[in-house]
Amino acid sequence: MEKIKVNKNELISVLKTNRDKHAQKYTEASAGYVMMVETELKKKLKEVRSGNDFDLNFHHLQKPESHVENYNDAIGMLEVSIDENISISMEDYLKYYKNKWEWCNYWSSQNTAYLTHYTNSKAVK
């Protein structure tokens, strides 16, 4: 199957739902990132104050990236279309309906620790 036709409004709804889920996860990952940076800063400050050699690199902590614009671009393109039914490819289907964008695996692997840290901190409170 090369392409299928889908209802534009339903597709927009799916994209908005997936965008909102991503935005929420990004917010949580960012909060977890900040918590982990604060923890690392405290450790580094102790190292500095100890008088021993210290390393100030934070290469293992990378700021999360938001991909909300990817969703917004797809939604915007659909909203300006005059067609009520849109042809999409398998690749489009996987991105839009299954939420499997080309950046998803990398994003998940980069942010799992932040999300876990955030979730665990909420469970403790």
PDB file of N, CA and C in Angstrom:
ATOM      1  N   MET A   1       0.839  -1.166   0.000  1.00  0.00           N
ATOM      2  CA  MET A   1       0.000   0.000   0.000  1.00  0.00           C
ATOM      3  C   MET A   1       0.894   1.243   0.000  1.00  0.00           C
ATOM      4  N   GLU A   2       0.754   2.062  -1.025  1.00  0.00           N
ATOM      5  CA  GLU A   2       1.582   3.255  -1.108  1.00  0.00           C
ATOM      6  C   GLU A   2       1.061   4.395  -0.257  1.00  0.00           C
ATOM      7  N   LYS A   3      -0.191   4.774  -0.480  1.00  0.00           N
ATOM      8  CA  LYS A   3      -0.775   5.892   0.266  1.00  0.00           C
ATOM      9  C   LYS A   3      -2.220   5.570   0.608  1.00  0.00           C
ATOM     10  N   ILE A   4      -2.681   6.201   1.671  1.00  0.00           N
ATOM     11  CA  ILE A   4      -4.084   6.079   2.048  1.00  0.00           C
ATOM     12  C   ILE A   4      -4.649   7.481   2.230  1.00  0.00           C
ATOM     13  N   LYS A   5      -5.967   7.584   2.169  1.00  0.00           N
ATOM     14  CA  LYS A   5      -6.621   8.864   2.424  1.00  0.00           C
ATOM     15  C   LYS A   5      -7.191   8.838   3.836  1.00  0.00           C
ATOM     16  N   VAL A   6      -6.978   9.928   4.540  1.00  0.00           N
ATOM     17  CA  VAL A   6      -7.496  10.062   5.900  1.00  0.00           C
ATOM     18  C   VAL A   6      -8.250  11.382   6.015  1.00  0.00           C
ATOM     19  N   ASN A   7      -9.146  11.440   6.987  1.00  0.00           N
ATOM     20  CA  ASN A   7      -9.891  12.662   7.222  1.00  0.00           C
ATOM     21  C   ASN A   7      -8.972  13.702   7.853  1.00  0.00           C
ATOM     22  N   LYS A   8      -8.926  14.867   7.253  1.00  0.00           N
ATOM     23  CA  LYS A   8      -8.022  15.925   7.698  1.00  0.00           C
ATOM     24  C   LYS A   8      -8.274  16.311   9.156  1.00  0.00           C
ATOM     25  N   ASN A   9      -9.520  16.513   9.531  1.00  0.00           N
ATOM     26  CA  ASN A   9      -9.820  16.961  10.893  1.00  0.00           C
ATOM     27  C   ASN A   9      -9.451  15.913  11.942  1.00  0.00           C
ATOM     28  N   GLU A  10      -9.669  14.643  11.615  1.00  0.00           N
ATOM     29  CA  GLU A  10      -9.270  13.576  12.534  1.00  0.00           C
ATOM     30  C   GLU A  10      -7.751  13.547  12.691  1.00  0.00           C
ATOM     31  N   LEU A  11      -7.058  13.727  11.586  1.00  0.00           N
ATOM     32  CA  LEU A  11      -5.599  13.730  11.633  1.00  0.00           C
ATOM     33  C   LEU A  11      -5.090  14.910  12.454  1.00  0.00           C
ATOM     34  N   ILE A  12      -5.687  16.065  12.282  1.00  0.00           N
ATOM     35  CA  ILE A  12      -5.299  17.234  13.080  1.00  0.00           C
ATOM     36  C   ILE A  12      -5.510  16.947  14.562  1.00  0.00           C
ATOM     37  N   SER A  13      -6.623  16.323  14.895  1.00  0.00           N
ATOM     38  CA  SER A  13      -6.913  15.985  16.285  1.00  0.00           C
ATOM     39  C   SER A  13      -5.860  15.043  16.865  1.00  0.00           C
ATOM     40  N   VAL A  14      -5.477  14.027  16.091  1.00  0.00           N
ATOM     41  CA  VAL A  14      -4.453  13.081  16.528  1.00  0.00           C
ATOM     42  C   VAL A  14      -3.126  13.807  16.738  1.00  0.00           C
ATOM     43  N   LEU A  15      -2.759  14.656  15.807  1.00  0.00           N
ATOM     44  CA  LEU A  15      -1.499  15.399  15.920  1.00  0.00           C
ATOM     45  C   LEU A  15      -1.494  16.308  17.142  1.00  0.00           C
ATOM     46  N   LYS A  16      -2.609  16.959  17.411  1.00  0.00           N
ATOM     47  CA  LYS A  16      -2.683  17.832  18.583  1.00  0.00           C
ATOM     48  C   LYS A  16      -2.552  17.037  19.878  1.00  0.00           C
ATOM     49  N   THR A  17      -3.188  15.882  19.933  1.00  0.00           N
ATOM     50  CA  THR A  17      -3.068  15.026  21.110  1.00  0.00           C
ATOM     51  C   THR A  17      -1.624  14.587  21.302  1.00  0.00           C
ATOM     52  N   ASN A  18      -0.989  14.124  20.224  1.00  0.00           N
ATOM     53  CA  ASN A  18       0.400  13.677  20.307  1.00  0.00           C
ATOM     54  C   ASN A  18       1.340  14.833  20.644  1.00  0.00           C
ATOM     55  N   ARG A  19       1.059  16.011  20.093  1.00  0.00           N
ATOM     56  CA  ARG A  19       1.876  17.200  20.399  1.00  0.00           C
ATOM     57  C   ARG A  19       1.783  17.518  21.889  1.00  0.00           C
ATOM     58  N   ASP A  20       0.570  17.491  22.419  1.00  0.00           N
ATOM     59  CA  ASP A  20       0.382  17.820  23.829  1.00  0.00           C
ATOM     60  C   ASP A  20       1.077  16.808  24.737  1.00  0.00           C
ATOM     61  N   LYS A  21       1.045  15.526  24.353  1.00  0.00           N
ATOM     62  CA  LYS A  21       1.752  14.501  25.119  1.00  0.00           C
ATOM     63  C   LYS A  21       3.256  14.764  25.088  1.00  0.00           C
ATOM     64  N   HIS A  22       3.761  15.098  23.897  1.00  0.00           N
ATOM     65  CA  HIS A  22       5.198  15.389  23.783  1.00  0.00           C
ATOM     66  C   HIS A  22       5.556  16.619  24.611  1.00  0.00           C
ATOM     67  N   ALA A  23       4.735  17.658  24.548  1.00  0.00           N
ATOM     68  CA  ALA A  23       5.002  18.882  25.310  1.00  0.00           C
ATOM     69  C   ALA A  23       5.049  18.588  26.809  1.00  0.00           C
ATOM     70  N   GLN A  24       4.141  17.737  27.275  1.00  0.00           N
ATOM     71  CA  GLN A  24       4.124  17.365  28.692  1.00  0.00           C
ATOM     72  C   GLN A  24       5.391  16.601  29.062  1.00  0.00           C
ATOM     73  N   LYS A  25       5.767  15.642  28.231  1.00  0.00           N
ATOM     74  CA  LYS A  25       6.984  14.873  28.500  1.00  0.00           C
ATOM     75  C   LYS A  25       8.219  15.781  28.455  1.00  0.00           C
ATOM     76  N   TYR A  26       8.235  16.725  27.529  1.00  0.00           N
ATOM     77  CA  TYR A  26       9.344  17.672  27.445  1.00  0.00           C
ATOM     78  C   TYR A  26       9.425  18.506  28.732  1.00  0.00           C
ATOM     79  N   THR A  27       8.288  18.972  29.212  1.00  0.00           N
ATOM     80  CA  THR A  27       8.246  19.768  30.445  1.00  0.00           C
ATOM     81  C   THR A  27       8.785  18.951  31.619  1.00  0.00           C
ATOM     82  N   GLU A  28       8.359  17.697  31.699  1.00  0.00           N
ATOM     83  CA  GLU A  28       8.816  16.823  32.777  1.00  0.00           C
ATOM     84  C   GLU A  28      10.302  16.502  32.631  1.00  0.00           C
ATOM     85  N   ALA A  29      10.747  16.232  31.411  1.00  0.00           N
ATOM     86  CA  ALA A  29      12.165  15.952  31.180  1.00  0.00           C
ATOM     87  C   ALA A  29      13.011  17.175  31.529  1.00  0.00           C
ATOM     88  N   SER A  30      12.532  18.354  31.191  1.00  0.00           N
ATOM     89  CA  SER A  30      13.264  19.585  31.514  1.00  0.00           C
ATOM     90  C   SER A  30      13.371  19.775  33.021  1.00  0.00           C
ATOM     91  N   ALA A  31      12.286  19.489  33.733  1.00  0.00           N
ATOM     92  CA  ALA A  31      12.316  19.594  35.193  1.00  0.00           C
ATOM     93  C   ALA A  31      13.296  18.578  35.789  1.00  0.00           C
ATOM     94  N   GLY A  32      13.275  17.361  35.274  1.00  0.00           N
ATOM     95  CA  GLY A  32      14.213  16.341  35.728  1.00  0.00           C
ATOM     96  C   GLY A  32      15.650  16.714  35.413  1.00  0.00           C
ATOM     97  N   TYR A  33      15.856  17.313  34.253  1.00  0.00           N
ATOM     98  CA  TYR A  33      17.186  17.785  33.847  1.00  0.00           C
ATOM     99  C   TYR A  33      17.692  18.822  34.849  1.00  0.00           C
ATOM    100  N   VAL A  34      16.849  19.796  35.188  1.00  0.00           N
ATOM    101  CA  VAL A  34      17.243  20.839  36.141  1.00  0.00           C
ATOM    102  C   VAL A  34      17.595  20.216  37.491  1.00  0.00           C
ATOM    103  N   MET A  35      16.807  19.260  37.939  1.00  0.00           N
ATOM    104  CA  MET A  35      17.086  18.589  39.214  1.00  0.00           C
ATOM    105  C   MET A  35      18.443  17.889  39.173  1.00  0.00           C
ATOM    106  N   MET A  36      18.712  17.204  38.067  1.00  0.00           N
ATOM    107  CA  MET A  36      19.976  16.473  37.954  1.00  0.00           C
ATOM    108  C   MET A  36      21.155  17.438  37.845  1.00  0.00           C
ATOM    109  N   VAL A  37      20.977  18.557  37.155  1.00  0.00           N
ATOM    110  CA  VAL A  37      22.039  19.562  37.068  1.00  0.00           C
ATOM    111  C   VAL A  37      22.324  20.125  38.458  1.00  0.00           C
ATOM    112  N   GLU A  38      21.282  20.418  39.219  1.00  0.00           N
ATOM    113  CA  GLU A  38      21.474  20.931  40.576  1.00  0.00           C
ATOM    114  C   GLU A  38      22.256  19.945  41.433  1.00  0.00           C
ATOM    115  N   THR A  39      21.916  18.662  41.329  1.00  0.00           N
ATOM    116  CA  THR A  39      22.637  17.627  42.074  1.00  0.00           C
ATOM    117  C   THR A  39      24.103  17.594  41.674  1.00  0.00           C
ATOM    118  N   GLU A  40      24.351  17.648  40.366  1.00  0.00           N
ATOM    119  CA  GLU A  40      25.729  17.633  39.869  1.00  0.00           C
ATOM    120  C   GLU A  40      26.493  18.880  40.312  1.00  0.00           C
ATOM    121  N   LEU A  41      25.844  20.017  40.297  1.00  0.00           N
ATOM    122  CA  LEU A  41      26.500  21.262  40.739  1.00  0.00           C
ATOM    123  C   LEU A  41      26.917  21.169  42.201  1.00  0.00           C
ATOM    124  N   LYS A  42      26.070  20.595  43.030  1.00  0.00           N
ATOM    125  CA  LYS A  42      26.411  20.430  44.445  1.00  0.00           C
ATOM    126  C   LYS A  42      27.632  19.528  44.606  1.00  0.00           C
ATOM    127  N   LYS A  43      27.664  18.438  43.828  1.00  0.00           N
ATOM    128  CA  LYS A  43      28.815  17.526  43.872  1.00  0.00           C
ATOM    129  C   LYS A  43      30.081  18.243  43.425  1.00  0.00           C
ATOM    130  N   LYS A  44      29.964  18.993  42.332  1.00  0.00           N
ATOM    131  CA  LYS A  44      31.130  19.701  41.790  1.00  0.00           C
ATOM    132  C   LYS A  44      31.628  20.759  42.766  1.00  0.00           C
ATOM    133  N   LEU A  45      30.709  21.436  43.446  1.00  0.00           N
ATOM    134  CA  LEU A  45      31.102  22.454  44.412  1.00  0.00           C
ATOM    135  C   LEU A  45      31.876  21.816  45.570  1.00  0.00           C
ATOM    136  N   LYS A  46      31.448  20.644  46.011  1.00  0.00           N
ATOM    137  CA  LYS A  46      32.185  19.931  47.056  1.00  0.00           C
ATOM    138  C   LYS A  46      33.592  19.582  46.585  1.00  0.00           C
ATOM    139  N   GLU A  47      33.693  19.134  45.321  1.00  0.00           N
ATOM    140  CA  GLU A  47      35.003  18.800  44.760  1.00  0.00           C
ATOM    141  C   GLU A  47      35.901  20.041  44.724  1.00  0.00           C
ATOM    142  N   VAL A  48      35.343  21.168  44.296  1.00  0.00           N
ATOM    143  CA  VAL A  48      36.112  22.408  44.213  1.00  0.00           C
ATOM    144  C   VAL A  48      36.590  22.817  45.603  1.00  0.00           C
ATOM    145  N   ARG A  49      35.705  22.761  46.568  1.00  0.00           N
ATOM    146  CA  ARG A  49      36.033  23.186  47.931  1.00  0.00           C
ATOM    147  C   ARG A  49      36.977  22.226  48.654  1.00  0.00           C
ATOM    148  N   SER A  50      37.081  20.991  48.159  1.00  0.00           N
ATOM    149  CA  SER A  50      37.946  20.000  48.807  1.00  0.00           C
ATOM    150  C   SER A  50      39.426  20.327  48.642  1.00  0.00           C
ATOM    151  N   GLY A  51      39.746  21.131  47.658  1.00  0.00           N
ATOM    152  CA  GLY A  51      41.144  21.463  47.406  1.00  0.00           C
ATOM    153  C   GLY A  51      41.837  20.469  46.504  1.00  0.00           C
ATOM    154  N   ASN A  52      41.176  19.394  46.166  1.00  0.00           N
ATOM    155  CA  ASN A  52      41.752  18.392  45.271  1.00  0.00           C
ATOM    156  C   ASN A  52      41.458  18.774  43.817  1.00  0.00           C
ATOM    157  N   ASP A  53      42.025  18.010  42.908  1.00  0.00           N
ATOM    158  CA  ASP A  53      41.715  18.233  41.495  1.00  0.00           C
ATOM    159  C   ASP A  53      40.230  18.015  41.268  1.00  0.00           C
ATOM    160  N   PHE A  54      39.681  18.748  40.330  1.00  0.00           N
ATOM    161  CA  PHE A  54      38.259  18.604  40.042  1.00  0.00           C
ATOM    162  C   PHE A  54      38.010  18.767  38.552  1.00  0.00           C
ATOM    163  N   ASP A  55      36.900  18.224  38.135  1.00  0.00           N
ATOM    164  CA  ASP A  55      36.484  18.258  36.731  1.00  0.00           C
ATOM    165  C   ASP A  55      35.106  18.904  36.659  1.00  0.00           C
ATOM    166  N   LEU A  56      34.979  19.942  35.873  1.00  0.00           N
ATOM    167  CA  LEU A  56      33.707  20.654  35.778  1.00  0.00           C
ATOM    168  C   LEU A  56      32.893  20.279  34.546  1.00  0.00           C
ATOM    169  N   ASN A  57      33.252  19.206  33.886  1.00  0.00           N
ATOM    170  CA  ASN A  57      32.501  18.791  32.701  1.00  0.00           C
ATOM    171  C   ASN A  57      31.162  18.167  33.085  1.00  0.00           C
ATOM    172  N   PHE A  58      30.154  18.477  32.281  1.00  0.00           N
ATOM    173  CA  PHE A  58      28.817  17.924  32.468  1.00  0.00           C
ATOM    174  C   PHE A  58      28.345  17.271  31.164  1.00  0.00           C
ATOM    175  N   HIS A  59      29.248  16.590  30.489  1.00  0.00           N
ATOM    176  CA  HIS A  59      28.933  16.037  29.170  1.00  0.00           C
ATOM    177  C   HIS A  59      27.797  15.024  29.200  1.00  0.00           C
ATOM    178  N   HIS A  60      27.583  14.365  30.316  1.00  0.00           N
ATOM    179  CA  HIS A  60      26.530  13.352  30.409  1.00  0.00           C
ATOM    180  C   HIS A  60      25.144  13.972  30.582  1.00  0.00           C
ATOM    181  N   LEU A  61      25.087  15.280  30.793  1.00  0.00           N
ATOM    182  CA  LEU A  61      23.801  15.959  30.941  1.00  0.00           C
ATOM    183  C   LEU A  61      23.577  16.881  29.746  1.00  0.00           C
ATOM    184  N   GLN A  62      22.626  16.520  28.921  1.00  0.00           N
ATOM    185  CA  GLN A  62      22.294  17.336  27.753  1.00  0.00           C
ATOM    186  C   GLN A  62      20.870  17.831  27.885  1.00  0.00           C
ATOM    187  N   LYS A  63      20.690  19.105  27.631  1.00  0.00           N
ATOM    188  CA  LYS A  63      19.382  19.718  27.762  1.00  0.00           C
ATOM    189  C   LYS A  63      18.392  19.051  26.803  1.00  0.00           C
ATOM    190  N   PRO A  64      17.194  18.720  27.291  1.00  0.00           N
ATOM    191  CA  PRO A  64      16.174  18.129  26.408  1.00  0.00           C
ATOM    192  C   PRO A  64      15.778  19.097  25.285  1.00  0.00           C
ATOM    193  N   GLU A  65      15.378  18.523  24.173  1.00  0.00           N
ATOM    194  CA  GLU A  65      14.910  19.315  23.035  1.00  0.00           C
ATOM    195  C   GLU A  65      13.408  19.135  22.880  1.00  0.00           C
ATOM    196  N   SER A  66      12.753  20.232  22.555  1.00  0.00           N
ATOM    197  CA  SER A  66      11.323  20.183  22.265  1.00  0.00           C
ATOM    198  C   SER A  66      11.133  20.003  20.764  1.00  0.00           C
ATOM    199  N   HIS A  67      10.201  19.144  20.404  1.00  0.00           N
ATOM    200  CA  HIS A  67       9.856  18.946  18.991  1.00  0.00           C
ATOM    201  C   HIS A  67       8.414  19.358  18.716  1.00  0.00           C
ATOM    202  N   VAL A  68       7.899  20.227  19.563  1.00  0.00           N
ATOM    203  CA  VAL A  68       6.533  20.727  19.392  1.00  0.00           C
ATOM    204  C   VAL A  68       6.371  21.368  18.018  1.00  0.00           C
ATOM    205  N   GLU A  69       7.399  22.023  17.534  1.00  0.00           N
ATOM    206  CA  GLU A  69       7.312  22.672  16.218  1.00  0.00           C
ATOM    207  C   GLU A  69       7.083  21.670  15.088  1.00  0.00           C
ATOM    208  N   ASN A  70       7.609  20.456  15.214  1.00  0.00           N
ATOM    209  CA  ASN A  70       7.348  19.432  14.196  1.00  0.00           C
ATOM    210  C   ASN A  70       5.858  19.168  14.087  1.00  0.00           C
ATOM    211  N   TYR A  71       5.213  19.057  15.241  1.00  0.00           N
ATOM    212  CA  TYR A  71       3.765  18.853  15.267  1.00  0.00           C
ATOM    213  C   TYR A  71       3.045  20.088  14.732  1.00  0.00           C
ATOM    214  N   ASN A  72       3.465  21.263  15.208  1.00  0.00           N
ATOM    215  CA  ASN A  72       2.807  22.498  14.776  1.00  0.00           C
ATOM    216  C   ASN A  72       2.918  22.717  13.269  1.00  0.00           C
ATOM    217  N   ASP A  73       4.061  22.360  12.701  1.00  0.00           N
ATOM    218  CA  ASP A  73       4.233  22.511  11.250  1.00  0.00           C
ATOM    219  C   ASP A  73       3.279  21.592  10.495  1.00  0.00           C
ATOM    220  N   ALA A  74       3.173  20.349  10.935  1.00  0.00           N
ATOM    221  CA  ALA A  74       2.265  19.406  10.271  1.00  0.00           C
ATOM    222  C   ALA A  74       0.810  19.859  10.433  1.00  0.00           C
ATOM    223  N   ILE A  75       0.460  20.307  11.632  1.00  0.00           N
ATOM    224  CA  ILE A  75      -0.898  20.787  11.881  1.00  0.00           C
ATOM    225  C   ILE A  75      -1.193  22.008  11.021  1.00  0.00           C
ATOM    226  N   GLY A  76      -0.254  22.940  10.970  1.00  0.00           N
ATOM    227  CA  GLY A  76      -0.435  24.154  10.175  1.00  0.00           C
ATOM    228  C   GLY A  76      -0.620  23.852   8.704  1.00  0.00           C
ATOM    229  N   MET A  77       0.160  22.918   8.204  1.00  0.00           N
ATOM    230  CA  MET A  77       0.036  22.534   6.798  1.00  0.00           C
ATOM    231  C   MET A  77      -1.340  21.943   6.514  1.00  0.00           C
ATOM    232  N   LEU A  78      -1.818  21.117   7.412  1.00  0.00           N
ATOM    233  CA  LEU A  78      -3.138  20.517   7.242  1.00  0.00           C
ATOM    234  C   LEU A  78      -4.240  21.563   7.351  1.00  0.00           C
ATOM    235  N   GLU A  79      -4.077  22.507   8.252  1.00  0.00           N
ATOM    236  CA  GLU A  79      -5.111  23.520   8.449  1.00  0.00           C
ATOM    237  C   GLU A  79      -5.282  24.430   7.235  1.00  0.00           C
ATOM    238  N   VAL A  80      -4.231  24.635   6.464  1.00  0.00           N
ATOM    239  CA  VAL A  80      -4.366  25.494   5.280  1.00  0.00           C
ATOM    240  C   VAL A  80      -4.820  24.718   4.046  1.00  0.00           C
ATOM    241  N   SER A  81      -4.842  23.405   4.159  1.00  0.00           N
ATOM    242  CA  SER A  81      -5.285  22.595   3.029  1.00  0.00           C
ATOM    243  C   SER A  81      -6.792  22.747   2.827  1.00  0.00           C
ATOM    244  N   ILE A  82      -7.198  22.844   1.565  1.00  0.00           N
ATOM    245  CA  ILE A  82      -8.630  22.937   1.263  1.00  0.00           C
ATOM    246  C   ILE A  82      -9.264  21.553   1.153  1.00  0.00           C
ATOM    247  N   ASP A  83      -8.439  20.518   1.150  1.00  0.00           N
ATOM    248  CA  ASP A  83      -8.933  19.145   1.040  1.00  0.00           C
ATOM    249  C   ASP A  83      -9.454  18.655   2.386  1.00  0.00           C
ATOM    250  N   GLU A  84     -10.574  17.940   2.348  1.00  0.00           N
ATOM    251  CA  GLU A  84     -11.115  17.341   3.570  1.00  0.00           C
ATOM    252  C   GLU A  84     -10.475  15.986   3.854  1.00  0.00           C
ATOM    253  N   ASN A  85      -9.997  15.321   2.801  1.00  0.00           N
ATOM    254  CA  ASN A  85      -9.293  14.051   2.927  1.00  0.00           C
ATOM    255  C   ASN A  85      -7.876  14.240   2.409  1.00  0.00           C
ATOM    256  N   ILE A  86      -6.932  13.704   3.149  1.00  0.00           N
ATOM    257  CA  ILE A  86      -5.513  13.897   2.861  1.00  0.00           C
ATOM    258  C   ILE A  86      -4.871  12.543   2.577  1.00  0.00           C
ATOM    259  N   SER A  87      -4.030  12.486   1.557  1.00  0.00           N
ATOM    260  CA  SER A  87      -3.262  11.275   1.258  1.00  0.00           C
ATOM    261  C   SER A  87      -1.996  11.268   2.104  1.00  0.00           C
ATOM    262  N   ILE A  88      -1.783  10.162   2.791  1.00  0.00           N
ATOM    263  CA  ILE A  88      -0.557  10.039   3.576  1.00  0.00           C
ATOM    264  C   ILE A  88       0.143   8.722   3.244  1.00  0.00           C
ATOM    265  N   SER A  89       1.443   8.733   3.390  1.00  0.00           N
ATOM    266  CA  SER A  89       2.261   7.547   3.153  1.00  0.00           C
ATOM    267  C   SER A  89       2.393   6.747   4.449  1.00  0.00           C
ATOM    268  N   MET A  90       3.019   5.591   4.352  1.00  0.00           N
ATOM    269  CA  MET A  90       3.285   4.780   5.537  1.00  0.00           C
ATOM    270  C   MET A  90       4.164   5.568   6.512  1.00  0.00           C
ATOM    271  N   GLU A  91       5.160   6.268   5.982  1.00  0.00           N
ATOM    272  CA  GLU A  91       6.034   7.090   6.834  1.00  0.00           C
ATOM    273  C   GLU A  91       5.226   8.155   7.577  1.00  0.00           C
ATOM    274  N   ASP A  92       4.325   8.812   6.865  1.00  0.00           N
ATOM    275  CA  ASP A  92       3.462   9.813   7.504  1.00  0.00           C
ATOM    276  C   ASP A  92       2.580   9.169   8.569  1.00  0.00           C
ATOM    277  N   TYR A  93       2.013   8.025   8.237  1.00  0.00           N
ATOM    278  CA  TYR A  93       1.152   7.307   9.182  1.00  0.00           C
ATOM    279  C   TYR A  93       1.915   7.002  10.474  1.00  0.00           C
ATOM    280  N   LEU A  94       3.130   6.497  10.324  1.00  0.00           N
ATOM    281  CA  LEU A  94       3.924   6.153  11.504  1.00  0.00           C
ATOM    282  C   LEU A  94       4.226   7.385  12.355  1.00  0.00           C
ATOM    283  N   LYS A  95       4.514   8.501  11.715  1.00  0.00           N
ATOM    284  CA  LYS A  95       4.782   9.730  12.464  1.00  0.00           C
ATOM    285  C   LYS A  95       3.521  10.277  13.109  1.00  0.00           C
ATOM    286  N   TYR A  96       2.510  10.463  12.316  1.00  0.00           N
ATOM    287  CA  TYR A  96       1.329  11.186  12.769  1.00  0.00           C
ATOM    288  C   TYR A  96       0.421  10.367  13.686  1.00  0.00           C
ATOM    289  N   TYR A  97       0.169   9.137  13.323  1.00  0.00           N
ATOM    290  CA  TYR A  97      -0.755   8.311  14.108  1.00  0.00           C
ATOM    291  C   TYR A  97      -0.051   7.508  15.198  1.00  0.00           C
ATOM    292  N   LYS A  98       1.091   6.933  14.866  1.00  0.00           N
ATOM    293  CA  LYS A  98       1.795   6.082  15.819  1.00  0.00           C
ATOM    294  C   LYS A  98       2.818   6.863  16.643  1.00  0.00           C
ATOM    295  N   ASN A  99       3.014   8.129  16.297  1.00  0.00           N
ATOM    296  CA  ASN A  99       3.940   9.015  17.007  1.00  0.00           C
ATOM    297  C   ASN A  99       5.371   8.481  16.971  1.00  0.00           C
ATOM    298  N   LYS A 100       5.770   7.974  15.808  1.00  0.00           N
ATOM    299  CA  LYS A 100       7.118   7.430  15.621  1.00  0.00           C
ATOM    300  C   LYS A 100       7.882   8.308  14.633  1.00  0.00           C
ATOM    301  N   TRP A 101       8.253   9.491  15.092  1.00  0.00           N
ATOM    302  CA  TRP A 101       9.026  10.424  14.283  1.00  0.00           C
ATOM    303  C   TRP A 101      10.476   9.949  14.227  1.00  0.00           C
ATOM    304  N   GLU A 102      11.230  10.456  13.281  1.00  0.00           N
ATOM    305  CA  GLU A 102      12.621  10.032  13.128  1.00  0.00           C
ATOM    306  C   GLU A 102      13.463  10.371  14.363  1.00  0.00           C
ATOM    307  N   TRP A 103      13.072  11.339  15.148  1.00  0.00           N
ATOM    308  CA  TRP A 103      13.828  11.761  16.317  1.00  0.00           C
ATOM    309  C   TRP A 103      13.392  11.047  17.603  1.00  0.00           C
ATOM    310  N   CYS A 104      12.328  10.268  17.569  1.00  0.00           N
ATOM    311  CA  CYS A 104      11.740   9.688  18.786  1.00  0.00           C
ATOM    312  C   CYS A 104      12.674   8.770  19.570  1.00  0.00           C
ATOM    313  N   ASN A 105      13.349   7.868  18.904  1.00  0.00           N
ATOM    314  CA  ASN A 105      14.219   6.939  19.626  1.00  0.00           C
ATOM    315  C   ASN A 105      15.356   7.673  20.322  1.00  0.00           C
ATOM    316  N   TYR A 106      15.978   8.592  19.607  1.00  0.00           N
ATOM    317  CA  TYR A 106      17.070   9.374  20.195  1.00  0.00           C
ATOM    318  C   TYR A 106      16.544  10.207  21.357  1.00  0.00           C
ATOM    319  N   TRP A 107      15.402  10.854  21.156  1.00  0.00           N
ATOM    320  CA  TRP A 107      14.825  11.704  22.189  1.00  0.00           C
ATOM    321  C   TRP A 107      14.562  10.888  23.450  1.00  0.00           C
ATOM    322  N   SER A 108      13.959   9.729  23.285  1.00  0.00           N
ATOM    323  CA  SER A 108      13.656   8.863  24.434  1.00  0.00           C
ATOM    324  C   SER A 108      14.921   8.433  25.158  1.00  0.00           C
ATOM    325  N   SER A 109      15.925   8.017  24.396  1.00  0.00           N
ATOM    326  CA  SER A 109      17.155   7.556  25.039  1.00  0.00           C
ATOM    327  C   SER A 109      17.871   8.692  25.763  1.00  0.00           C
ATOM    328  N   GLN A 110      17.791   9.901  25.243  1.00  0.00           N
ATOM    329  CA  GLN A 110      18.437  11.046  25.875  1.00  0.00           C
ATOM    330  C   GLN A 110      17.707  11.525  27.120  1.00  0.00           C
ATOM    331  N   ASN A 111      16.409  11.291  27.195  1.00  0.00           N
ATOM    332  CA  ASN A 111      15.608  11.912  28.246  1.00  0.00           C
ATOM    333  C   ASN A 111      14.998  10.951  29.263  1.00  0.00           C
ATOM    334  N   THR A 112      15.196   9.655  29.096  1.00  0.00           N
ATOM    335  CA  THR A 112      14.620   8.677  30.017  1.00  0.00           C
ATOM    336  C   THR A 112      15.078   8.925  31.452  1.00  0.00           C
ATOM    337  N   ALA A 113      16.352   9.201  31.635  1.00  0.00           N
ATOM    338  CA  ALA A 113      16.863   9.435  32.990  1.00  0.00           C
ATOM    339  C   ALA A 113      16.216  10.668  33.610  1.00  0.00           C
ATOM    340  N   TYR A 114      16.026  11.714  32.822  1.00  0.00           N
ATOM    341  CA  TYR A 114      15.405  12.934  33.345  1.00  0.00           C
ATOM    342  C   TYR A 114      13.948  12.678  33.725  1.00  0.00           C
ATOM    343  N   LEU A 115      13.234  11.961  32.854  1.00  0.00           N
ATOM    344  CA  LEU A 115      11.830  11.646  33.135  1.00  0.00           C
ATOM    345  C   LEU A 115      11.704  10.771  34.373  1.00  0.00           C
ATOM    346  N   THR A 116      12.586   9.798  34.502  1.00  0.00           N
ATOM    347  CA  THR A 116      12.578   8.916  35.671  1.00  0.00           C
ATOM    348  C   THR A 116      12.875   9.710  36.937  1.00  0.00           C
ATOM    349  N   HIS A 117      13.870  10.562  36.864  1.00  0.00           N
ATOM    350  CA  HIS A 117      14.237  11.386  38.018  1.00  0.00           C
ATOM    351  C   HIS A 117      13.062  12.273  38.434  1.00  0.00           C
ATOM    352  N   TYR A 118      12.423  12.882  37.455  1.00  0.00           N
ATOM    353  CA  TYR A 118      11.269  13.742  37.731  1.00  0.00           C
ATOM    354  C   TYR A 118      10.134  12.934  38.362  1.00  0.00           C
ATOM    355  N   THR A 119       9.815  11.796  37.767  1.00  0.00           N
ATOM    356  CA  THR A 119       8.731  10.947  38.265  1.00  0.00           C
ATOM    357  C   THR A 119       9.016  10.472  39.686  1.00  0.00           C
ATOM    358  N   ASN A 120      10.245  10.050  39.926  1.00  0.00           N
ATOM    359  CA  ASN A 120      10.622   9.571  41.273  1.00  0.00           C
ATOM    360  C   ASN A 120      10.551  10.696  42.304  1.00  0.00           C
ATOM    361  N   SER A 121      10.912  11.906  41.901  1.00  0.00           N
ATOM    362  CA  SER A 121      10.862  13.021  42.837  1.00  0.00           C
ATOM    363  C   SER A 121       9.417  13.364  43.198  1.00  0.00           C
ATOM    364  N   LYS A 122       8.499  13.176  42.247  1.00  0.00           N
ATOM    365  CA  LYS A 122       7.086  13.409  42.515  1.00  0.00           C
ATOM    366  C   LYS A 122       6.511  12.337  43.434  1.00  0.00           C
ATOM    367  N   ALA A 123       6.996  11.105  43.292  1.00  0.00           N
ATOM    368  CA  ALA A 123       6.503   9.997  44.110  1.00  0.00           C
ATOM    369  C   ALA A 123       6.923  10.150  45.562  1.00  0.00           C
ATOM    370  N   VAL A 124       8.076  10.776  45.775  1.00  0.00           N
ATOM    371  CA  VAL A 124       8.609  10.951  47.127  1.00  0.00           C
ATOM    372  C   VAL A 124       7.811  12.009  47.883  1.00  0.00           C
ATOM    373  N   LYS A 125       7.303  12.998  47.175  1.00  0.00           N
ATOM    374  CA  LYS A 125       6.612  14.122  47.847  1.00  0.00           C
ATOM    375  C   LYS A 125       5.250  13.758  48.340  1.00  0.00           C
TER     376      LYS A 125
END
